[in-house]
């Protein structure tokens, strides 16, 4: 169950990052509330996952999901560059996250 919470925390982190972009475009209370909700849920789920997972592993995986997810969202929804080097770096991050899961 801790792994499910950790993955959900990473997804909430991606949502929070997306809401930063939305807040940058639309300065309104809805954007602020969604940003707080996304990051709040992310931190809550991370803390729950860390009750049974080692802190170093949980934090590294949470960060990897958030960073690679935000980069992928940027490419898909915000027109950021989709070159091979950028995609290769995302694959390395995801591979490292999978490796941590396998050895953890």
C-alpha atoms as a PDB file:
ATOM      1  CA  UNK A   1       0.000   0.000   0.000  1.00  0.00           C
ATOM      2  CA  UNK A   2       2.928   2.327   0.677  1.00  0.00           C
ATOM      3  CA  UNK A   3       4.033   2.072  -2.941  1.00  0.00           C
ATOM      4  CA  UNK A   4       0.555   3.003  -4.161  1.00  0.00           C
ATOM      5  CA  UNK A   5       0.564   6.041  -1.860  1.00  0.00           C
ATOM      6  CA  UNK A   6       4.029   6.993  -3.086  1.00  0.00           C
ATOM      7  CA  UNK A   7       2.986   6.826  -6.733  1.00  0.00           C
ATOM      8  CA  UNK A   8      -0.165   8.804  -5.927  1.00  0.00           C
ATOM      9  CA  UNK A   9       2.019  11.373  -4.140  1.00  0.00           C
ATOM     10  CA  UNK A  10       4.126  11.707  -7.297  1.00  0.00           C
ATOM     11  CA  UNK A  11       1.024  12.189  -9.419  1.00  0.00           C
ATOM     12  CA  UNK A  12      -0.267  14.850  -7.009  1.00  0.00           C
ATOM     13  CA  UNK A  13       3.143  16.512  -7.272  1.00  0.00           C
ATOM     14  CA  UNK A  14       2.741  16.616 -11.054  1.00  0.00           C
ATOM     15  CA  UNK A  15      -0.724  18.132 -10.592  1.00  0.00           C
ATOM     16  CA  UNK A  16       0.736  20.773  -8.273  1.00  0.00           C
ATOM     17  CA  UNK A  17       3.373  21.674 -10.854  1.00  0.00           C
ATOM     18  CA  UNK A  18       0.671  21.948 -13.528  1.00  0.00           C
ATOM     19  CA  UNK A  19      -1.238  24.291 -11.228  1.00  0.00           C
ATOM     20  CA  UNK A  20       1.838  26.526 -10.935  1.00  0.00           C
ATOM     21  CA  UNK A  21       1.588  26.974 -14.717  1.00  0.00           C
ATOM     22  CA  UNK A  22      -2.155  27.598 -14.460  1.00  0.00           C
ATOM     23  CA  UNK A  23      -1.606  30.169 -11.708  1.00  0.00           C
ATOM     24  CA  UNK A  24       0.977  31.890 -13.887  1.00  0.00           C
ATOM     25  CA  UNK A  25      -1.621  32.204 -16.688  1.00  0.00           C
ATOM     26  CA  UNK A  26      -4.784  32.740 -14.605  1.00  0.00           C
ATOM     27  CA  UNK A  27      -4.281  34.625 -11.355  1.00  0.00           C
ATOM     28  CA  UNK A  28      -7.426  33.602  -9.505  1.00  0.00           C
ATOM     29  CA  UNK A  29      -8.428  31.878  -6.263  1.00  0.00           C
ATOM     30  CA  UNK A  30      -9.339  28.638  -7.994  1.00  0.00           C
ATOM     31  CA  UNK A  31      -5.765  28.256  -9.283  1.00  0.00           C
ATOM     32  CA  UNK A  32      -4.342  28.993  -5.833  1.00  0.00           C
ATOM     33  CA  UNK A  33      -6.684  26.488  -4.155  1.00  0.00           C
ATOM     34  CA  UNK A  34      -5.877  23.766  -6.689  1.00  0.00           C
ATOM     35  CA  UNK A  35      -2.139  24.396  -6.275  1.00  0.00           C
ATOM     36  CA  UNK A  36      -2.412  24.103  -2.482  1.00  0.00           C
ATOM     37  CA  UNK A  37      -4.596  21.000  -2.823  1.00  0.00           C
ATOM     38  CA  UNK A  38      -2.145  19.303  -5.210  1.00  0.00           C
ATOM     39  CA  UNK A  39       0.969  19.917  -3.152  1.00  0.00           C
ATOM     40  CA  UNK A  40      -0.846  19.305   0.136  1.00  0.00           C
ATOM     41  CA  UNK A  41      -2.087  15.913  -1.039  1.00  0.00           C
ATOM     42  CA  UNK A  42       1.372  15.137  -2.370  1.00  0.00           C
ATOM     43  CA  UNK A  43       3.080  15.845   0.949  1.00  0.00           C
ATOM     44  CA  UNK A  44       0.410  13.990   2.923  1.00  0.00           C
ATOM     45  CA  UNK A  45       0.671  10.878   0.759  1.00  0.00           C
ATOM     46  CA  UNK A  46       4.474  11.039   0.829  1.00  0.00           C
ATOM     47  CA  UNK A  47       4.477  11.211   4.622  1.00  0.00           C
ATOM     48  CA  UNK A  48       2.087   8.241   4.823  1.00  0.00           C
ATOM     49  CA  UNK A  49       4.249   6.220   2.438  1.00  0.00           C
ATOM     50  CA  UNK A  50       7.340   7.042   4.509  1.00  0.00           C
ATOM     51  CA  UNK A  51       5.812   5.307   7.521  1.00  0.00           C
ATOM     52  CA  UNK A  52       6.831   1.994   5.971  1.00  0.00           C
ATOM     53  CA  UNK A  53       9.348   2.937   3.248  1.00  0.00           C
ATOM     54  CA  UNK A  54      12.861   4.259   3.874  1.00  0.00           C
ATOM     55  CA  UNK A  55      13.046   8.048   3.606  1.00  0.00           C
ATOM     56  CA  UNK A  56      15.825   8.080   1.004  1.00  0.00           C
ATOM     57  CA  UNK A  57      14.065   5.671  -1.342  1.00  0.00           C
ATOM     58  CA  UNK A  58      10.640   7.308  -0.921  1.00  0.00           C
ATOM     59  CA  UNK A  59      11.955  10.815  -1.488  1.00  0.00           C
ATOM     60  CA  UNK A  60      14.047   9.828  -4.516  1.00  0.00           C
ATOM     61  CA  UNK A  61      11.128   8.051  -6.169  1.00  0.00           C
ATOM     62  CA  UNK A  62       8.689  10.869  -5.351  1.00  0.00           C
ATOM     63  CA  UNK A  63      11.094  13.414  -6.816  1.00  0.00           C
ATOM     64  CA  UNK A  64      11.717  11.271  -9.904  1.00  0.00           C
ATOM     65  CA  UNK A  65       8.010  10.872 -10.605  1.00  0.00           C
ATOM     66  CA  UNK A  66       7.414  14.598 -10.123  1.00  0.00           C
ATOM     67  CA  UNK A  67      10.377  15.738 -12.211  1.00  0.00           C
ATOM     68  CA  UNK A  68       9.913  13.353 -15.118  1.00  0.00           C
ATOM     69  CA  UNK A  69       6.131  13.779 -15.036  1.00  0.00           C
ATOM     70  CA  UNK A  70       6.434  17.557 -15.132  1.00  0.00           C
ATOM     71  CA  UNK A  71       8.864  17.345 -18.051  1.00  0.00           C
ATOM     72  CA  UNK A  72       6.515  15.023 -19.948  1.00  0.00           C
ATOM     73  CA  UNK A  73       3.529  17.295 -19.230  1.00  0.00           C
ATOM     74  CA  UNK A  74       5.545  20.243 -20.488  1.00  0.00           C
ATOM     75  CA  UNK A  75       6.236  18.446 -23.743  1.00  0.00           C
ATOM     76  CA  UNK A  76       2.661  17.222 -24.215  1.00  0.00           C
ATOM     77  CA  UNK A  77       0.654  20.252 -23.106  1.00  0.00           C
ATOM     78  CA  UNK A  78       2.922  23.317 -23.160  1.00  0.00           C
ATOM     79  CA  UNK A  79       4.923  22.925 -26.359  1.00  0.00           C
ATOM     80  CA  UNK A  80       8.295  22.337 -24.725  1.00  0.00           C
ATOM     81  CA  UNK A  81      11.080  20.757 -26.777  1.00  0.00           C
ATOM     82  CA  UNK A  82      10.771  17.035 -27.540  1.00  0.00           C
ATOM     83  CA  UNK A  83      14.305  16.296 -28.663  1.00  0.00           C
ATOM     84  CA  UNK A  84      15.999  12.924 -28.234  1.00  0.00           C
ATOM     85  CA  UNK A  85      18.420  14.081 -25.519  1.00  0.00           C
ATOM     86  CA  UNK A  86      15.598  15.374 -23.344  1.00  0.00           C
ATOM     87  CA  UNK A  87      13.583  12.172 -23.742  1.00  0.00           C
ATOM     88  CA  UNK A  88      16.687  10.078 -23.035  1.00  0.00           C
ATOM     89  CA  UNK A  89      17.228  11.950 -19.765  1.00  0.00           C
ATOM     90  CA  UNK A  90      13.622  11.306 -18.739  1.00  0.00           C
ATOM     91  CA  UNK A  91      14.121   7.606 -19.524  1.00  0.00           C
ATOM     92  CA  UNK A  92      17.230   7.598 -17.309  1.00  0.00           C
ATOM     93  CA  UNK A  93      15.258   9.163 -14.436  1.00  0.00           C
ATOM     94  CA  UNK A  94      12.435   6.633 -14.819  1.00  0.00           C
ATOM     95  CA  UNK A  95      14.965   3.797 -15.073  1.00  0.00           C
ATOM     96  CA  UNK A  96      16.620   4.938 -11.856  1.00  0.00           C
ATOM     97  CA  UNK A  97      13.238   5.084 -10.123  1.00  0.00           C
ATOM     98  CA  UNK A  98      12.432   1.559 -11.316  1.00  0.00           C
ATOM     99  CA  UNK A  99      15.874   0.416 -10.150  1.00  0.00           C
ATOM    100  CA  UNK A 100      15.288   1.829  -6.688  1.00  0.00           C
ATOM    101  CA  UNK A 101      11.984  -0.047  -6.539  1.00  0.00           C
ATOM    102  CA  UNK A 102      13.646  -3.296  -7.605  1.00  0.00           C
ATOM    103  CA  UNK A 103      16.484  -3.131  -5.087  1.00  0.00           C
ATOM    104  CA  UNK A 104      14.369  -1.558  -2.309  1.00  0.00           C
END
